[in-house]
Amino acid sequence: MSKMTNKFAPEVRDRAIRMVLDHERDYPSRWATVVSIAEDRLLAADAA
């Protein structure tokens, strides 16, 4: 069994989870929520 390393700080992970839970009701599935947030963050990073 391999051990996964966490490459994100706990604060970043907590914020990501909170964002998904806060917006989950706006999408048909949790995965759709995750994809939407990821796309928004990617577009925001590209604009910076």
N, C-alpha and C. Protein backbone atom coordinates (compact mmCIF):
# COMPACT_ATOMS: atom_id res chain seq x y z
N MET A 1 0.84 -1.17 0.00
CA MET A 1 0.00 0.00 0.00
C MET A 1 0.89 1.24 0.00
N SER A 2 0.65 2.15 -0.94
CA SER A 2 1.49 3.34 -1.01
C SER A 2 0.91 4.45 -0.14
N LYS A 3 1.81 5.26 0.37
CA LYS A 3 1.39 6.38 1.21
C LYS A 3 1.31 7.63 0.35
N MET A 4 0.15 8.29 0.37
CA MET A 4 -0.01 9.53 -0.40
C MET A 4 0.51 10.69 0.43
N THR A 5 1.18 11.60 -0.23
CA THR A 5 1.60 12.81 0.45
C THR A 5 0.60 13.91 0.12
N ASN A 6 0.34 14.76 1.09
CA ASN A 6 -0.59 15.85 0.88
C ASN A 6 0.20 17.07 0.44
N LYS A 7 -0.01 17.52 -0.79
CA LYS A 7 0.78 18.62 -1.31
C LYS A 7 0.13 19.98 -1.07
N PHE A 8 -1.00 19.99 -0.38
CA PHE A 8 -1.67 21.24 -0.07
C PHE A 8 -1.70 21.47 1.43
N ALA A 9 -1.60 22.72 1.80
CA ALA A 9 -1.67 23.09 3.21
C ALA A 9 -3.08 22.79 3.74
N PRO A 10 -3.19 22.45 5.00
CA PRO A 10 -4.51 22.15 5.56
C PRO A 10 -5.52 23.29 5.36
N GLU A 11 -5.06 24.53 5.41
CA GLU A 11 -5.95 25.67 5.23
C GLU A 11 -6.54 25.71 3.82
N VAL A 12 -5.72 25.36 2.84
CA VAL A 12 -6.17 25.34 1.45
C VAL A 12 -7.19 24.23 1.26
N ARG A 13 -6.90 23.07 1.80
CA ARG A 13 -7.82 21.94 1.70
C ARG A 13 -9.15 22.27 2.38
N ASP A 14 -9.09 22.86 3.57
CA ASP A 14 -10.31 23.22 4.29
C ASP A 14 -11.15 24.21 3.50
N ARG A 15 -10.49 25.18 2.87
CA ARG A 15 -11.22 26.18 2.08
C ARG A 15 -11.88 25.53 0.87
N ALA A 16 -11.17 24.64 0.22
CA ALA A 16 -11.73 23.95 -0.96
C ALA A 16 -12.96 23.14 -0.58
N ILE A 17 -12.88 22.44 0.53
CA ILE A 17 -14.02 21.64 0.99
C ILE A 17 -15.19 22.55 1.32
N ARG A 18 -14.91 23.65 2.00
CA ARG A 18 -15.97 24.60 2.36
C ARG A 18 -16.64 25.18 1.11
N MET A 19 -15.84 25.50 0.10
CA MET A 19 -16.40 26.04 -1.14
C MET A 19 -17.34 25.03 -1.81
N VAL A 20 -16.92 23.78 -1.86
CA VAL A 20 -17.76 22.75 -2.47
C VAL A 20 -19.06 22.59 -1.69
N LEU A 21 -18.97 22.50 -0.38
CA LEU A 21 -20.17 22.32 0.42
C LEU A 21 -21.10 23.53 0.33
N ASP A 22 -20.53 24.73 0.25
CA ASP A 22 -21.35 25.94 0.16
C ASP A 22 -22.08 26.05 -1.18
N HIS A 23 -21.52 25.52 -2.26
CA HIS A 23 -22.09 25.68 -3.59
C HIS A 23 -22.74 24.41 -4.13
N GLU A 24 -22.68 23.36 -3.38
CA GLU A 24 -23.17 22.05 -3.85
C GLU A 24 -24.64 22.10 -4.27
N ARG A 25 -25.45 22.88 -3.59
CA ARG A 25 -26.89 22.93 -3.90
C ARG A 25 -27.17 23.57 -5.26
N ASP A 26 -26.21 24.28 -5.81
CA ASP A 26 -26.39 24.96 -7.09
C ASP A 26 -26.12 24.07 -8.30
N TYR A 27 -25.67 22.84 -8.07
CA TYR A 27 -25.27 21.94 -9.16
C TYR A 27 -25.94 20.58 -8.99
N PRO A 28 -26.05 19.82 -10.08
CA PRO A 28 -26.75 18.54 -10.01
C PRO A 28 -25.99 17.44 -9.25
N SER A 29 -24.68 17.62 -9.07
CA SER A 29 -23.91 16.61 -8.34
C SER A 29 -22.70 17.27 -7.68
N ARG A 30 -22.11 16.56 -6.75
CA ARG A 30 -20.91 17.09 -6.09
C ARG A 30 -19.78 17.23 -7.11
N TRP A 31 -19.67 16.28 -8.01
CA TRP A 31 -18.61 16.34 -9.02
C TRP A 31 -18.78 17.57 -9.90
N ALA A 32 -20.01 17.88 -10.30
CA ALA A 32 -20.27 19.07 -11.11
C ALA A 32 -19.85 20.33 -10.35
N THR A 33 -20.07 20.34 -9.05
CA THR A 33 -19.65 21.46 -8.21
C THR A 33 -18.13 21.60 -8.23
N VAL A 34 -17.44 20.50 -8.05
CA VAL A 34 -15.97 20.51 -8.03
C VAL A 34 -15.42 21.00 -9.37
N VAL A 35 -15.97 20.49 -10.46
CA VAL A 35 -15.51 20.87 -11.79
C VAL A 35 -15.73 22.37 -12.01
N SER A 36 -16.89 22.86 -11.64
CA SER A 36 -17.19 24.28 -11.82
C SER A 36 -16.23 25.17 -11.03
N ILE A 37 -16.00 24.82 -9.79
CA ILE A 37 -15.08 25.60 -8.95
C ILE A 37 -13.67 25.54 -9.53
N ALA A 38 -13.25 24.37 -9.96
CA ALA A 38 -11.91 24.22 -10.52
C ALA A 38 -11.76 25.07 -11.79
N GLU A 39 -12.78 25.06 -12.63
CA GLU A 39 -12.73 25.86 -13.85
C GLU A 39 -12.67 27.35 -13.52
N ASP A 40 -13.47 27.78 -12.55
CA ASP A 40 -13.43 29.19 -12.13
C ASP A 40 -12.06 29.57 -11.62
N ARG A 41 -11.46 28.71 -10.82
CA ARG A 41 -10.14 29.01 -10.26
C ARG A 41 -9.08 29.02 -11.36
N LEU A 42 -9.18 28.13 -12.32
CA LEU A 42 -8.22 28.08 -13.42
C LEU A 42 -8.32 29.34 -14.27
N LEU A 43 -9.55 29.75 -14.55
CA LEU A 43 -9.74 30.97 -15.35
C LEU A 43 -9.24 32.19 -14.57
N ALA A 44 -9.46 32.21 -13.27
CA ALA A 44 -8.99 33.33 -12.45
C ALA A 44 -7.45 33.37 -12.45
N ALA A 45 -6.83 32.21 -12.41
CA ALA A 45 -5.37 32.14 -12.41
C ALA A 45 -4.81 32.59 -13.76
N ASP A 46 -5.51 32.25 -14.84
CA ASP A 46 -5.06 32.66 -16.18
C ASP A 46 -5.19 34.17 -16.37
N ALA A 47 -6.18 34.78 -15.75
CA ALA A 47 -6.41 36.21 -15.91
C ALA A 47 -5.42 37.03 -15.11
N ALA A 48 -4.83 36.43 -14.10
CA ALA A 48 -3.91 37.18 -13.22
C ALA A 48 -2.56 37.42 -13.87
